[in-house]
Amino acid sequence: MNPVIREFKRRKKVQWLITIFGIIWFVILCSLVIMSGIQVKEDTGYVPTPTGYIVIVVFSLLFILPVIFLTSRNWRCPACGKPLGRAMNPGSCPSCGTHFSPD
């Protein structure tokens, strides 16, 4: 098998792991905010206190920044090193045109 295709498949697996673990991490962080009790009951339901809003912003950054960093380092063309864009299964590199499937 072509080494570029093999490397693309490896990067694709890693990207799926980043996505799955990122979602799990986000659910855990949201659960911590909900269980922390930094909410008050109002007529419309439970809403976060000012401290709760700060915690939500901090936890959101703890989720978003690592995912963006890891994705930017991983999701690149194995041939030219340019970003592959948003597609999870591109057929070829948008920059250099290298094909990632054995034809």
N, C-alpha and C. Protein backbone atom coordinates (compact mmCIF):
# COMPACT_ATOMS: atom_id res chain seq x y z
N MET A 1 0.85 -1.18 0.00
CA MET A 1 0.00 0.00 0.00
C MET A 1 0.89 1.24 0.00
N ASN A 2 0.44 2.24 -0.68
CA ASN A 2 1.13 3.51 -0.79
C ASN A 2 1.34 4.12 0.61
N PRO A 3 2.56 4.60 0.94
CA PRO A 3 2.80 5.17 2.27
C PRO A 3 1.94 6.41 2.56
N VAL A 4 1.60 7.18 1.52
CA VAL A 4 0.75 8.36 1.74
C VAL A 4 -0.65 7.93 2.15
N ILE A 5 -1.18 6.90 1.50
CA ILE A 5 -2.51 6.39 1.84
C ILE A 5 -2.50 5.79 3.25
N ARG A 6 -1.46 5.06 3.57
CA ARG A 6 -1.34 4.46 4.91
C ARG A 6 -1.29 5.55 5.99
N GLU A 7 -0.53 6.60 5.75
CA GLU A 7 -0.44 7.71 6.71
C GLU A 7 -1.77 8.44 6.81
N PHE A 8 -2.47 8.62 5.69
CA PHE A 8 -3.78 9.26 5.74
C PHE A 8 -4.75 8.45 6.59
N LYS A 9 -4.75 7.13 6.41
CA LYS A 9 -5.64 6.29 7.21
C LYS A 9 -5.30 6.38 8.69
N ARG A 10 -4.03 6.45 9.02
CA ARG A 10 -3.62 6.59 10.42
C ARG A 10 -4.11 7.92 10.98
N ARG A 11 -3.93 8.99 10.22
CA ARG A 11 -4.37 10.31 10.67
C ARG A 11 -5.89 10.37 10.80
N LYS A 12 -6.59 9.68 9.93
CA LYS A 12 -8.05 9.65 10.01
C LYS A 12 -8.50 8.95 11.30
N LYS A 13 -7.84 7.84 11.66
CA LYS A 13 -8.16 7.16 12.92
C LYS A 13 -7.89 8.07 14.11
N VAL A 14 -6.75 8.74 14.08
CA VAL A 14 -6.41 9.66 15.17
C VAL A 14 -7.44 10.79 15.26
N GLN A 15 -7.89 11.29 14.12
CA GLN A 15 -8.88 12.38 14.11
C GLN A 15 -10.20 11.91 14.71
N TRP A 16 -10.61 10.70 14.40
CA TRP A 16 -11.83 10.17 15.01
C TRP A 16 -11.66 10.05 16.52
N LEU A 17 -10.49 9.60 16.98
CA LEU A 17 -10.25 9.51 18.42
C LEU A 17 -10.29 10.88 19.08
N ILE A 18 -9.70 11.88 18.43
CA ILE A 18 -9.76 13.25 18.96
C ILE A 18 -11.20 13.69 19.09
N THR A 19 -12.00 13.42 18.08
CA THR A 19 -13.41 13.83 18.08
C THR A 19 -14.18 13.12 19.18
N ILE A 20 -14.02 11.80 19.28
CA ILE A 20 -14.77 11.03 20.28
C ILE A 20 -14.36 11.43 21.69
N PHE A 21 -13.05 11.49 21.96
CA PHE A 21 -12.62 11.86 23.30
C PHE A 21 -12.95 13.32 23.61
N GLY A 22 -12.96 14.18 22.60
CA GLY A 22 -13.37 15.57 22.81
C GLY A 22 -14.82 15.66 23.24
N ILE A 23 -15.68 14.88 22.61
CA ILE A 23 -17.10 14.88 22.99
C ILE A 23 -17.28 14.32 24.39
N ILE A 24 -16.58 13.23 24.70
CA ILE A 24 -16.66 12.66 26.05
C ILE A 24 -16.18 13.68 27.08
N TRP A 25 -15.08 14.35 26.80
CA TRP A 25 -14.53 15.38 27.71
C TRP A 25 -15.55 16.49 27.92
N PHE A 26 -16.20 16.93 26.85
CA PHE A 26 -17.20 17.99 26.95
C PHE A 26 -18.38 17.56 27.81
N VAL A 27 -18.85 16.34 27.64
CA VAL A 27 -19.96 15.83 28.45
C VAL A 27 -19.55 15.77 29.92
N ILE A 28 -18.35 15.33 30.21
CA ILE A 28 -17.87 15.28 31.60
C ILE A 28 -17.81 16.69 32.19
N LEU A 29 -17.28 17.64 31.44
CA LEU A 29 -17.20 19.01 31.95
C LEU A 29 -18.58 19.60 32.18
N CYS A 30 -19.51 19.36 31.28
CA CYS A 30 -20.88 19.86 31.47
C CYS A 30 -21.52 19.21 32.69
N SER A 31 -21.27 17.93 32.88
CA SER A 31 -21.81 17.23 34.05
C SER A 31 -21.25 17.82 35.34
N LEU A 32 -19.98 18.16 35.34
CA LEU A 32 -19.38 18.77 36.53
C LEU A 32 -20.03 20.12 36.84
N VAL A 33 -20.32 20.89 35.81
CA VAL A 33 -20.98 22.18 36.02
C VAL A 33 -22.38 21.97 36.60
N ILE A 34 -23.10 21.00 36.05
CA ILE A 34 -24.46 20.74 36.52
C ILE A 34 -24.45 20.23 37.95
N MET A 35 -23.54 19.32 38.27
CA MET A 35 -23.49 18.72 39.60
C MET A 35 -22.83 19.61 40.64
N SER A 36 -22.16 20.67 40.21
CA SER A 36 -21.42 21.51 41.15
C SER A 36 -22.34 22.36 42.02
N GLY A 37 -23.59 22.52 41.62
CA GLY A 37 -24.53 23.30 42.42
C GLY A 37 -24.36 24.79 42.26
N ILE A 38 -23.69 25.23 41.21
CA ILE A 38 -23.54 26.68 41.02
C ILE A 38 -24.66 27.18 40.12
N GLN A 39 -25.87 26.77 40.50
CA GLN A 39 -27.06 27.20 39.79
C GLN A 39 -28.08 27.67 40.81
N VAL A 40 -28.96 28.53 40.40
CA VAL A 40 -30.05 28.98 41.27
C VAL A 40 -31.37 28.72 40.55
N LYS A 41 -32.39 28.44 41.36
CA LYS A 41 -33.69 28.17 40.77
C LYS A 41 -34.44 29.48 40.60
N GLU A 42 -34.93 29.72 39.40
CA GLU A 42 -35.75 30.89 39.11
C GLU A 42 -37.06 30.42 38.49
N ASP A 43 -37.90 31.34 38.15
CA ASP A 43 -39.20 30.99 37.58
C ASP A 43 -39.06 30.21 36.26
N THR A 44 -38.02 30.51 35.51
CA THR A 44 -37.83 29.85 34.21
C THR A 44 -37.05 28.54 34.34
N GLY A 45 -36.63 28.18 35.51
CA GLY A 45 -35.86 26.96 35.72
C GLY A 45 -34.53 27.28 36.39
N TYR A 46 -33.60 26.36 36.29
CA TYR A 46 -32.29 26.57 36.88
C TYR A 46 -31.40 27.36 35.94
N VAL A 47 -30.75 28.37 36.46
CA VAL A 47 -29.80 29.16 35.68
C VAL A 47 -28.51 29.27 36.47
N PRO A 48 -27.39 29.35 35.77
CA PRO A 48 -26.11 29.46 36.47
C PRO A 48 -25.98 30.80 37.20
N THR A 49 -25.25 30.79 38.28
CA THR A 49 -24.89 32.02 38.98
C THR A 49 -23.77 32.68 38.20
N PRO A 50 -23.37 33.91 38.55
CA PRO A 50 -22.22 34.53 37.85
C PRO A 50 -20.97 33.64 37.88
N THR A 51 -20.74 32.98 39.00
CA THR A 51 -19.61 32.05 39.08
C THR A 51 -19.81 30.90 38.11
N GLY A 52 -21.07 30.47 37.99
CA GLY A 52 -21.37 29.38 37.06
C GLY A 52 -21.05 29.74 35.63
N TYR A 53 -21.34 30.98 35.25
CA TYR A 53 -21.02 31.42 33.89
C TYR A 53 -19.51 31.41 33.66
N ILE A 54 -18.76 31.84 34.64
CA ILE A 54 -17.30 31.84 34.51
C ILE A 54 -16.79 30.41 34.36
N VAL A 55 -17.32 29.50 35.18
CA VAL A 55 -16.91 28.10 35.10
C VAL A 55 -17.26 27.52 33.74
N ILE A 56 -18.44 27.84 33.22
CA ILE A 56 -18.84 27.33 31.91
C ILE A 56 -17.88 27.83 30.83
N VAL A 57 -17.51 29.11 30.88
CA VAL A 57 -16.58 29.65 29.88
C VAL A 57 -15.21 28.98 30.00
N VAL A 58 -14.72 28.80 31.23
CA VAL A 58 -13.42 28.16 31.43
C VAL A 58 -13.46 26.72 30.93
N PHE A 59 -14.53 25.98 31.29
CA PHE A 59 -14.64 24.59 30.84
C PHE A 59 -14.78 24.51 29.32
N SER A 60 -15.48 25.45 28.73
CA SER A 60 -15.60 25.46 27.27
C SER A 60 -14.23 25.65 26.62
N LEU A 61 -13.43 26.55 27.18
CA LEU A 61 -12.08 26.75 26.65
C LEU A 61 -11.22 25.51 26.85
N LEU A 62 -11.41 24.84 28.01
CA LEU A 62 -10.66 23.61 28.26
C LEU A 62 -11.06 22.51 27.26
N PHE A 63 -12.24 22.62 26.69
CA PHE A 63 -12.68 21.67 25.67
C PHE A 63 -12.22 22.09 24.28
N ILE A 64 -12.46 23.33 23.94
CA ILE A 64 -12.25 23.79 22.57
C ILE A 64 -10.77 23.91 22.21
N LEU A 65 -9.98 24.49 23.07
CA LEU A 65 -8.57 24.73 22.73
C LEU A 65 -7.77 23.46 22.45
N PRO A 66 -7.86 22.41 23.30
CA PRO A 66 -7.11 21.19 22.96
C PRO A 66 -7.59 20.53 21.67
N VAL A 67 -8.91 20.54 21.43
CA VAL A 67 -9.43 19.91 20.21
C VAL A 67 -8.93 20.66 18.98
N ILE A 68 -8.97 21.99 19.02
CA ILE A 68 -8.47 22.78 17.89
C ILE A 68 -6.98 22.55 17.69
N PHE A 69 -6.22 22.54 18.76
CA PHE A 69 -4.77 22.33 18.67
C PHE A 69 -4.45 20.96 18.08
N LEU A 70 -5.06 19.91 18.64
CA LEU A 70 -4.77 18.56 18.17
C LEU A 70 -5.22 18.36 16.72
N THR A 71 -6.36 18.93 16.36
CA THR A 71 -6.85 18.81 15.00
C THR A 71 -5.93 19.54 14.02
N SER A 72 -5.48 20.73 14.40
CA SER A 72 -4.61 21.49 13.50
C SER A 72 -3.26 20.80 13.29
N ARG A 73 -2.82 20.04 14.27
CA ARG A 73 -1.54 19.32 14.14
C ARG A 73 -1.70 18.01 13.37
N ASN A 74 -2.88 17.39 13.49
CA ASN A 74 -3.08 16.06 12.91
C ASN A 74 -3.68 16.09 11.51
N TRP A 75 -4.71 16.88 11.29
CA TRP A 75 -5.51 16.78 10.06
C TRP A 75 -4.86 17.55 8.92
N ARG A 76 -3.75 17.02 8.44
CA ARG A 76 -2.98 17.61 7.35
C ARG A 76 -2.68 16.54 6.31
N CYS A 77 -2.43 17.00 5.11
CA CYS A 77 -2.09 16.09 4.02
C CYS A 77 -0.74 15.43 4.33
N PRO A 78 -0.67 14.10 4.23
CA PRO A 78 0.60 13.43 4.48
C PRO A 78 1.65 13.74 3.42
N ALA A 79 1.22 14.18 2.24
CA ALA A 79 2.18 14.46 1.16
C ALA A 79 2.74 15.87 1.25
N CYS A 80 1.87 16.89 1.40
CA CYS A 80 2.35 18.28 1.35
C CYS A 80 2.29 18.99 2.70
N GLY A 81 1.56 18.44 3.67
CA GLY A 81 1.50 19.05 4.99
C GLY A 81 0.49 20.17 5.15
N LYS A 82 -0.30 20.44 4.12
CA LYS A 82 -1.31 21.51 4.20
C LYS A 82 -2.58 20.97 4.88
N PRO A 83 -3.36 21.84 5.53
CA PRO A 83 -4.61 21.39 6.18
C PRO A 83 -5.58 20.76 5.17
N LEU A 84 -6.31 19.75 5.64
CA LEU A 84 -7.24 19.03 4.77
C LEU A 84 -8.64 19.62 4.77
N GLY A 85 -8.90 20.62 5.58
CA GLY A 85 -10.22 21.24 5.61
C GLY A 85 -11.16 20.54 6.57
N ARG A 86 -12.45 20.75 6.37
CA ARG A 86 -13.46 20.24 7.30
C ARG A 86 -13.95 18.84 6.99
N ALA A 87 -13.74 18.37 5.78
CA ALA A 87 -14.26 17.05 5.39
C ALA A 87 -13.60 15.96 6.21
N MET A 88 -14.40 15.00 6.69
CA MET A 88 -13.86 13.90 7.49
C MET A 88 -13.28 12.80 6.61
N ASN A 89 -13.67 12.75 5.34
CA ASN A 89 -13.17 11.72 4.45
C ASN A 89 -12.90 12.30 3.06
N PRO A 90 -11.92 13.21 2.96
CA PRO A 90 -11.65 13.78 1.64
C PRO A 90 -11.04 12.73 0.71
N GLY A 91 -11.43 12.78 -0.54
CA GLY A 91 -10.88 11.85 -1.53
C GLY A 91 -9.47 12.22 -1.95
N SER A 92 -9.17 13.53 -1.85
CA SER A 92 -7.84 14.00 -2.22
C SER A 92 -7.53 15.28 -1.46
N CYS A 93 -6.28 15.66 -1.49
CA CYS A 93 -5.84 16.89 -0.83
C CYS A 93 -6.32 18.09 -1.63
N PRO A 94 -6.94 19.09 -0.98
CA PRO A 94 -7.37 20.27 -1.71
C PRO A 94 -6.20 21.13 -2.21
N SER A 95 -5.03 20.97 -1.64
CA SER A 95 -3.88 21.78 -2.04
C SER A 95 -3.07 21.14 -3.16
N CYS A 96 -2.62 19.91 -2.93
CA CYS A 96 -1.72 19.29 -3.92
C CYS A 96 -2.41 18.26 -4.81
N GLY A 97 -3.63 17.85 -4.46
CA GLY A 97 -4.37 16.90 -5.29
C GLY A 97 -4.02 15.44 -5.10
N THR A 98 -3.18 15.10 -4.11
CA THR A 98 -2.83 13.71 -3.85
C THR A 98 -4.09 12.93 -3.47
N HIS A 99 -4.29 11.77 -4.11
CA HIS A 99 -5.46 10.93 -3.81
C HIS A 99 -5.17 10.04 -2.61
N PHE A 100 -6.19 9.86 -1.75
CA PHE A 100 -6.02 9.08 -0.53
C PHE A 100 -6.67 7.70 -0.59
N SER A 101 -7.21 7.33 -1.74
CA SER A 101 -7.79 6.00 -1.87
C SER A 101 -7.08 5.29 -3.02
N PRO A 102 -6.83 3.98 -2.82
CA PRO A 102 -6.16 3.25 -3.90
C PRO A 102 -7.11 3.07 -5.07
N ASP A 103 -6.77 3.63 -6.20
CA ASP A 103 -7.62 3.54 -7.41
C ASP A 103 -7.13 2.49 -8.36
